[in-house]
Amino acid sequence: MAKPREVMSPELLNQIAEAIQSIRFGSVQITIHNSRVVQIEKAEKVRFDRAHLTPGGVFEDSSRTDRTTGGSRTQNGS
């Protein structure tokens, strides 16, 4: 005979929802053992707009950046 399914507690569901809502880019991993949630992990990624970075990874003022190439040409083309 199959075991009856346990219902997840509202606290657990809230913790999962909070993990999802607290990150903009990344992942939430839920670890389950014997049909029970035993761990929640979140990995957050921080993304930078490539058009604002110079080849050395240094932030550059967006008013002077050529957004189509990611280069560093000024607005007058020089």
PDB file of N, CA and C in Angstrom:
ATOM      1  N   MET A   1       0.835  -1.172   0.000  1.00  0.00           N
ATOM      2  CA  MET A   1       0.000   0.000   0.000  1.00  0.00           C
ATOM      3  C   MET A   1       0.888   1.246   0.000  1.00  0.00           C
ATOM      4  N   ALA A   2       0.556   2.235  -0.794  1.00  0.00           N
ATOM      5  CA  ALA A   2       1.338   3.470  -0.898  1.00  0.00           C
ATOM      6  C   ALA A   2       1.173   4.329   0.347  1.00  0.00           C
ATOM      7  N   LYS A   3       2.277   4.998   0.712  1.00  0.00           N
ATOM      8  CA  LYS A   3       2.229   5.895   1.867  1.00  0.00           C
ATOM      9  C   LYS A   3       1.442   7.146   1.500  1.00  0.00           C
ATOM     10  N   PRO A   4       0.652   7.669   2.422  1.00  0.00           N
ATOM     11  CA  PRO A   4      -0.049   8.921   2.126  1.00  0.00           C
ATOM     12  C   PRO A   4       0.963  10.054   2.006  1.00  0.00           C
ATOM     13  N   ARG A   5       0.700  10.964   1.091  1.00  0.00           N
ATOM     14  CA  ARG A   5       1.598  12.091   0.872  1.00  0.00           C
ATOM     15  C   ARG A   5       1.482  13.093   2.008  1.00  0.00           C
ATOM     16  N   GLU A   6       2.641  13.590   2.430  1.00  0.00           N
ATOM     17  CA  GLU A   6       2.658  14.635   3.446  1.00  0.00           C
ATOM     18  C   GLU A   6       2.515  15.979   2.751  1.00  0.00           C
ATOM     19  N   VAL A   7       1.777  16.855   3.366  1.00  0.00           N
ATOM     20  CA  VAL A   7       1.587  18.193   2.824  1.00  0.00           C
ATOM     21  C   VAL A   7       2.705  19.078   3.358  1.00  0.00           C
ATOM     22  N   MET A   8       3.288  19.896   2.472  1.00  0.00           N
ATOM     23  CA  MET A   8       4.337  20.811   2.918  1.00  0.00           C
ATOM     24  C   MET A   8       3.728  21.903   3.779  1.00  0.00           C
ATOM     25  N   SER A   9       4.420  22.248   4.820  1.00  0.00           N
ATOM     26  CA  SER A   9       3.932  23.270   5.738  1.00  0.00           C
ATOM     27  C   SER A   9       3.951  24.644   5.068  1.00  0.00           C
ATOM     28  N   PRO A  10       3.061  25.528   5.512  1.00  0.00           N
ATOM     29  CA  PRO A  10       3.081  26.895   4.981  1.00  0.00           C
ATOM     30  C   PRO A  10       4.439  27.573   5.210  1.00  0.00           C
ATOM     31  N   GLU A  11       5.105  27.263   6.326  1.00  0.00           N
ATOM     32  CA  GLU A  11       6.428  27.842   6.600  1.00  0.00           C
ATOM     33  C   GLU A  11       7.441  27.416   5.542  1.00  0.00           C
ATOM     34  N   LEU A  12       7.426  26.136   5.174  1.00  0.00           N
ATOM     35  CA  LEU A  12       8.339  25.640   4.156  1.00  0.00           C
ATOM     36  C   LEU A  12       8.038  26.284   2.805  1.00  0.00           C
ATOM     37  N   LEU A  13       6.778  26.360   2.451  1.00  0.00           N
ATOM     38  CA  LEU A  13       6.396  26.999   1.184  1.00  0.00           C
ATOM     39  C   LEU A  13       6.807  28.461   1.170  1.00  0.00           C
ATOM     40  N   ASN A  14       6.673  29.142   2.301  1.00  0.00           N
ATOM     41  CA  ASN A  14       7.102  30.539   2.389  1.00  0.00           C
ATOM     42  C   ASN A  14       8.610  30.668   2.220  1.00  0.00           C
ATOM     43  N   GLN A  15       9.374  29.745   2.789  1.00  0.00           N
ATOM     44  CA  GLN A  15      10.830  29.790   2.651  1.00  0.00           C
ATOM     45  C   GLN A  15      11.256  29.578   1.200  1.00  0.00           C
ATOM     46  N   ILE A  16      10.582  28.684   0.511  1.00  0.00           N
ATOM     47  CA  ILE A  16      10.877  28.454  -0.911  1.00  0.00           C
ATOM     48  C   ILE A  16      10.534  29.705  -1.716  1.00  0.00           C
ATOM     49  N   ALA A  17       9.355  30.272  -1.466  1.00  0.00           N
ATOM     50  CA  ALA A  17       8.942  31.484  -2.180  1.00  0.00           C
ATOM     51  C   ALA A  17       9.903  32.631  -1.897  1.00  0.00           C
ATOM     52  N   GLU A  18      10.345  32.773  -0.658  1.00  0.00           N
ATOM     53  CA  GLU A  18      11.285  33.843  -0.294  1.00  0.00           C
ATOM     54  C   GLU A  18      12.620  33.670  -1.011  1.00  0.00           C
ATOM     55  N   ALA A  19      13.089  32.435  -1.120  1.00  0.00           N
ATOM     56  CA  ALA A  19      14.344  32.173  -1.824  1.00  0.00           C
ATOM     57  C   ALA A  19      14.229  32.570  -3.292  1.00  0.00           C
ATOM     58  N   ILE A  20      13.099  32.281  -3.898  1.00  0.00           N
ATOM     59  CA  ILE A  20      12.881  32.628  -5.304  1.00  0.00           C
ATOM     60  C   ILE A  20      12.771  34.136  -5.490  1.00  0.00           C
ATOM     61  N   GLN A  21      12.029  34.786  -4.618  1.00  0.00           N
ATOM     62  CA  GLN A  21      11.785  36.216  -4.760  1.00  0.00           C
ATOM     63  C   GLN A  21      12.989  37.069  -4.399  1.00  0.00           C
ATOM     64  N   SER A  22      13.932  36.526  -3.654  1.00  0.00           N
ATOM     65  CA  SER A  22      15.052  37.333  -3.167  1.00  0.00           C
ATOM     66  C   SER A  22      16.212  37.437  -4.153  1.00  0.00           C
ATOM     67  N   ILE A  23      16.139  36.732  -5.284  1.00  0.00           N
ATOM     68  CA  ILE A  23      17.221  36.818  -6.256  1.00  0.00           C
ATOM     69  C   ILE A  23      16.677  37.252  -7.604  1.00  0.00           C
ATOM     70  N   ARG A  24      17.495  37.989  -8.327  1.00  0.00           N
ATOM     71  CA  ARG A  24      17.089  38.462  -9.653  1.00  0.00           C
ATOM     72  C   ARG A  24      17.524  37.482 -10.739  1.00  0.00           C
ATOM     73  N   PHE A  25      18.774  37.025 -10.661  1.00  0.00           N
ATOM     74  CA  PHE A  25      19.300  36.025 -11.586  1.00  0.00           C
ATOM     75  C   PHE A  25      19.943  34.930 -10.749  1.00  0.00           C
ATOM     76  N   GLY A  26      19.710  33.696 -11.082  1.00  0.00           N
ATOM     77  CA  GLY A  26      20.333  32.603 -10.351  1.00  0.00           C
ATOM     78  C   GLY A  26      19.451  31.376 -10.318  1.00  0.00           C
ATOM     79  N   SER A  27      19.617  30.605  -9.246  1.00  0.00           N
ATOM     80  CA  SER A  27      18.852  29.366  -9.143  1.00  0.00           C
ATOM     81  C   SER A  27      18.531  29.051  -7.694  1.00  0.00           C
ATOM     82  N   VAL A  28      17.455  28.301  -7.520  1.00  0.00           N
ATOM     83  CA  VAL A  28      17.072  27.782  -6.208  1.00  0.00           C
ATOM     84  C   VAL A  28      17.047  26.271  -6.346  1.00  0.00           C
ATOM     85  N   GLN A  29      17.782  25.598  -5.478  1.00  0.00           N
ATOM     86  CA  GLN A  29      17.845  24.132  -5.508  1.00  0.00           C
ATOM     87  C   GLN A  29      17.211  23.595  -4.245  1.00  0.00           C
ATOM     88  N   ILE A  30      16.285  22.676  -4.409  1.00  0.00           N
ATOM     89  CA  ILE A  30      15.594  22.055  -3.281  1.00  0.00           C
ATOM     90  C   ILE A  30      16.050  20.604  -3.208  1.00  0.00           C
ATOM     91  N   THR A  31      16.617  20.220  -2.066  1.00  0.00           N
ATOM     92  CA  THR A  31      17.104  18.858  -1.872  1.00  0.00           C
ATOM     93  C   THR A  31      16.058  18.067  -1.096  1.00  0.00           C
ATOM     94  N   ILE A  32      15.752  16.884  -1.607  1.00  0.00           N
ATOM     95  CA  ILE A  32      14.705  16.044  -1.029  1.00  0.00           C
ATOM     96  C   ILE A  32      15.288  14.679  -0.668  1.00  0.00           C
ATOM     97  N   HIS A  33      14.991  14.206   0.531  1.00  0.00           N
ATOM     98  CA  HIS A  33      15.346  12.854   0.969  1.00  0.00           C
ATOM     99  C   HIS A  33      14.094  12.200   1.528  1.00  0.00           C
ATOM    100  N   ASN A  34      13.817  10.984   1.073  1.00  0.00           N
ATOM    101  CA  ASN A  34      12.637  10.242   1.523  1.00  0.00           C
ATOM    102  C   ASN A  34      11.363  11.071   1.403  1.00  0.00           C
ATOM    103  N   SER A  35      11.211  11.727   0.278  1.00  0.00           N
ATOM    104  CA  SER A  35      10.015  12.526  -0.039  1.00  0.00           C
ATOM    105  C   SER A  35       9.838  13.749   0.851  1.00  0.00           C
ATOM    106  N   ARG A  36      10.901  14.185   1.519  1.00  0.00           N
ATOM    107  CA  ARG A  36      10.810  15.362   2.386  1.00  0.00           C
ATOM    108  C   ARG A  36      11.879  16.371   1.996  1.00  0.00           C
ATOM    109  N   VAL A  37      11.527  17.635   2.009  1.00  0.00           N
ATOM    110  CA  VAL A  37      12.488  18.700   1.738  1.00  0.00           C
ATOM    111  C   VAL A  37      13.423  18.806   2.928  1.00  0.00           C
ATOM    112  N   VAL A  38      14.723  18.675   2.668  1.00  0.00           N
ATOM    113  CA  VAL A  38      15.695  18.742   3.749  1.00  0.00           C
ATOM    114  C   VAL A  38      16.634  19.939   3.610  1.00  0.00           C
ATOM    115  N   GLN A  39      16.634  20.581   2.441  1.00  0.00           N
ATOM    116  CA  GLN A  39      17.564  21.685   2.245  1.00  0.00           C
ATOM    117  C   GLN A  39      17.098  22.566   1.096  1.00  0.00           C
ATOM    118  N   ILE A  40      17.290  23.867   1.254  1.00  0.00           N
ATOM    119  CA  ILE A  40      17.023  24.830   0.192  1.00  0.00           C
ATOM    120  C   ILE A  40      18.297  25.634  -0.003  1.00  0.00           C
ATOM    121  N   GLU A  41      18.809  25.663  -1.241  1.00  0.00           N
ATOM    122  CA  GLU A  41      20.008  26.430  -1.551  1.00  0.00           C
ATOM    123  C   GLU A  41      19.669  27.433  -2.634  1.00  0.00           C
ATOM    124  N   LYS A  42      20.275  28.615  -2.553  1.00  0.00           N
ATOM    125  CA  LYS A  42      20.102  29.567  -3.639  1.00  0.00           C
ATOM    126  C   LYS A  42      21.469  30.069  -4.065  1.00  0.00           C
ATOM    127  N   ALA A  43      21.616  30.229  -5.352  1.00  0.00           N
ATOM    128  CA  ALA A  43      22.846  30.759  -5.933  1.00  0.00           C
ATOM    129  C   ALA A  43      22.451  31.976  -6.749  1.00  0.00           C
ATOM    130  N   GLU A  44      23.003  33.116  -6.385  1.00  0.00           N
ATOM    131  CA  GLU A  44      22.656  34.343  -7.079  1.00  0.00           C
ATOM    132  C   GLU A  44      23.790  34.757  -7.996  1.00  0.00           C
ATOM    133  N   LYS A  45      23.419  35.191  -9.193  1.00  0.00           N
ATOM    134  CA  LYS A  45      24.392  35.687 -10.161  1.00  0.00           C
ATOM    135  C   LYS A  45      24.224  37.187 -10.262  1.00  0.00           C
ATOM    136  N   VAL A  46      25.339  37.877 -10.363  1.00  0.00           N
ATOM    137  CA  VAL A  46      25.309  39.320 -10.563  1.00  0.00           C
ATOM    138  C   VAL A  46      25.807  39.573 -11.971  1.00  0.00           C
ATOM    139  N   ARG A  47      24.971  40.172 -12.792  1.00  0.00           N
ATOM    140  CA  ARG A  47      25.324  40.406 -14.189  1.00  0.00           C
ATOM    141  C   ARG A  47      25.648  41.874 -14.410  1.00  0.00           C
ATOM    142  N   PHE A  48      26.641  42.102 -15.242  1.00  0.00           N
ATOM    143  CA  PHE A  48      27.042  43.446 -15.590  1.00  0.00           C
ATOM    144  C   PHE A  48      26.798  43.646 -17.078  1.00  0.00           C
ATOM    145  N   ASP A  49      26.333  44.825 -17.434  1.00  0.00           N
ATOM    146  CA  ASP A  49      26.118  45.160 -18.833  1.00  0.00           C
ATOM    147  C   ASP A  49      27.481  45.244 -19.503  1.00  0.00           C
ATOM    148  N   ARG A  50      27.739  44.391 -20.453  1.00  0.00           N
ATOM    149  CA  ARG A  50      29.046  44.330 -21.106  1.00  0.00           C
ATOM    150  C   ARG A  50      29.399  45.641 -21.788  1.00  0.00           C
ATOM    151  N   ALA A  51      28.408  46.412 -22.217  1.00  0.00           N
ATOM    152  CA  ALA A  51      28.678  47.667 -22.905  1.00  0.00           C
ATOM    153  C   ALA A  51      29.321  48.687 -21.970  1.00  0.00           C
ATOM    154  N   HIS A  52      29.193  48.487 -20.654  1.00  0.00           N
ATOM    155  CA  HIS A  52      29.748  49.437 -19.701  1.00  0.00           C
ATOM    156  C   HIS A  52      31.122  49.024 -19.184  1.00  0.00           C
ATOM    157  N   LEU A  53      31.657  47.933 -19.684  1.00  0.00           N
ATOM    158  CA  LEU A  53      32.954  47.462 -19.207  1.00  0.00           C
ATOM    159  C   LEU A  53      34.008  47.601 -20.299  1.00  0.00           C
ATOM    160  N   THR A  54      35.183  48.035 -19.937  1.00  0.00           N
ATOM    161  CA  THR A  54      36.298  48.085 -20.869  1.00  0.00           C
ATOM    162  C   THR A  54      36.889  46.684 -20.961  1.00  0.00           C
ATOM    163  N   PRO A  55      37.799  46.435 -21.902  1.00  0.00           N
ATOM    164  CA  PRO A  55      38.384  45.087 -22.004  1.00  0.00           C
ATOM    165  C   PRO A  55      39.020  44.601 -20.711  1.00  0.00           C
ATOM    166  N   GLY A  56      39.490  45.497 -19.852  1.00  0.00           N
ATOM    167  CA  GLY A  56      40.080  45.079 -18.583  1.00  0.00           C
ATOM    168  C   GLY A  56      39.049  44.840 -17.496  1.00  0.00           C
ATOM    169  N   GLY A  57      37.753  44.993 -17.826  1.00  0.00           N
ATOM    170  CA  GLY A  57      36.697  44.755 -16.857  1.00  0.00           C
ATOM    171  C   GLY A  57      36.385  45.954 -15.986  1.00  0.00           C
ATOM    172  N   VAL A  58      36.895  47.124 -16.383  1.00  0.00           N
ATOM    173  CA  VAL A  58      36.693  48.333 -15.605  1.00  0.00           C
ATOM    174  C   VAL A  58      35.436  49.038 -16.094  1.00  0.00           C
ATOM    175  N   PHE A  59      34.633  49.521 -15.159  1.00  0.00           N
ATOM    176  CA  PHE A  59      33.407  50.230 -15.505  1.00  0.00           C
ATOM    177  C   PHE A  59      33.737  51.520 -16.229  1.00  0.00           C
ATOM    178  N   GLU A  60      32.991  51.806 -17.296  1.00  0.00           N
ATOM    179  CA  GLU A  60      33.187  53.026 -18.064  1.00  0.00           C
ATOM    180  C   GLU A  60      31.887  53.803 -18.104  1.00  0.00           C
ATOM    181  N   ASP A  61      31.966  55.108 -18.049  1.00  0.00           N
ATOM    182  CA  ASP A  61      30.790  55.976 -18.090  1.00  0.00           C
ATOM    183  C   ASP A  61      29.966  55.673 -19.344  1.00  0.00           C
ATOM    184  N   SER A  62      28.688  55.338 -19.170  1.00  0.00           N
ATOM    185  CA  SER A  62      27.843  54.932 -20.298  1.00  0.00           C
ATOM    186  C   SER A  62      27.614  56.059 -21.291  1.00  0.00           C
ATOM    187  N   SER A  63      27.778  57.305 -20.884  1.00  0.00           N
ATOM    188  CA  SER A  63      27.560  58.406 -21.817  1.00  0.00           C
ATOM    189  C   SER A  63      28.650  58.446 -22.883  1.00  0.00           C
ATOM    190  N   ARG A  64      29.769  57.761 -22.644  1.00  0.00           N
ATOM    191  CA  ARG A  64      30.879  57.768 -23.597  1.00  0.00           C
ATOM    192  C   ARG A  64      31.058  56.420 -24.266  1.00  0.00           C
ATOM    193  N   THR A  65      30.180  55.486 -24.029  1.00  0.00           N
ATOM    194  CA  THR A  65      30.351  54.136 -24.557  1.00  0.00           C
ATOM    195  C   THR A  65      29.523  53.919 -25.813  1.00  0.00           C
ATOM    196  N   ASP A  66      30.126  53.312 -26.815  1.00  0.00           N
ATOM    197  CA  ASP A  66      29.417  52.906 -28.021  1.00  0.00           C
ATOM    198  C   ASP A  66      28.692  51.610 -27.692  1.00  0.00           C
ATOM    199  N   ARG A  67      27.388  51.662 -27.459  1.00  0.00           N
ATOM    200  CA  ARG A  67      26.623  50.494 -27.011  1.00  0.00           C
ATOM    201  C   ARG A  67      26.489  49.410 -28.072  1.00  0.00           C
ATOM    202  N   THR A  68      26.675  49.736 -29.345  1.00  0.00           N
ATOM    203  CA  THR A  68      26.519  48.726 -30.385  1.00  0.00           C
ATOM    204  C   THR A  68      27.709  47.788 -30.461  1.00  0.00           C
ATOM    205  N   THR A  69      28.898  48.260 -30.067  1.00  0.00           N
ATOM    206  CA  THR A  69      30.078  47.415 -30.165  1.00  0.00           C
ATOM    207  C   THR A  69      30.689  47.091 -28.819  1.00  0.00           C
ATOM    208  N   GLY A  70      30.286  47.831 -27.776  1.00  0.00           N
ATOM    209  CA  GLY A  70      30.915  47.643 -26.485  1.00  0.00           C
ATOM    210  C   GLY A  70      32.256  48.337 -26.400  1.00  0.00           C
ATOM    211  N   GLY A  71      32.584  49.104 -27.444  1.00  0.00           N
ATOM    212  CA  GLY A  71      33.868  49.809 -27.488  1.00  0.00           C
ATOM    213  C   GLY A  71      33.831  51.064 -26.649  1.00  0.00           C
ATOM    214  N   SER A  72      34.883  51.869 -26.827  1.00  0.00           N
ATOM    215  CA  SER A  72      34.983  53.070 -26.011  1.00  0.00           C
ATOM    216  C   SER A  72      35.037  54.333 -26.856  1.00  0.00           C
ATOM    217  N   ARG A  73      34.393  54.324 -28.004  1.00  0.00           N
ATOM    218  CA  ARG A  73      34.372  55.532 -28.822  1.00  0.00           C
ATOM    219  C   ARG A  73      33.530  56.594 -28.154  1.00  0.00           C
ATOM    220  N   THR A  74      33.947  57.831 -28.277  1.00  0.00           N
ATOM    221  CA  THR A  74      33.159  58.930 -27.707  1.00  0.00           C
ATOM    222  C   THR A  74      31.995  59.237 -28.624  1.00  0.00           C
ATOM    223  N   GLN A  75      31.105  60.085 -28.169  1.00  0.00           N
ATOM    224  CA  GLN A  75      29.905  60.393 -28.939  1.00  0.00           C
ATOM    225  C   GLN A  75      30.211  61.056 -30.268  1.00  0.00           C
ATOM    226  N   ASN A  76      31.336  61.742 -30.405  1.00  0.00           N
ATOM    227  CA  ASN A  76      31.653  62.400 -31.672  1.00  0.00           C
ATOM    228  C   ASN A  76      32.403  61.464 -32.629  1.00  0.00           C
ATOM    229  N   GLY A  77      32.589  60.192 -32.236  1.00  0.00           N
ATOM    230  CA  GLY A  77      33.162  59.190 -33.126  1.00  0.00           C
ATOM    231  C   GLY A  77      34.648  59.040 -33.027  1.00  0.00           C
ATOM    232  N   SER A  78      35.326  59.818 -32.198  1.00  0.00           N
ATOM    233  CA  SER A  78      36.789  59.707 -32.104  1.00  0.00           C
ATOM    234  C   SER A  78      37.216  58.639 -31.120  1.00  0.00           C
TER     235      SER A  78
END
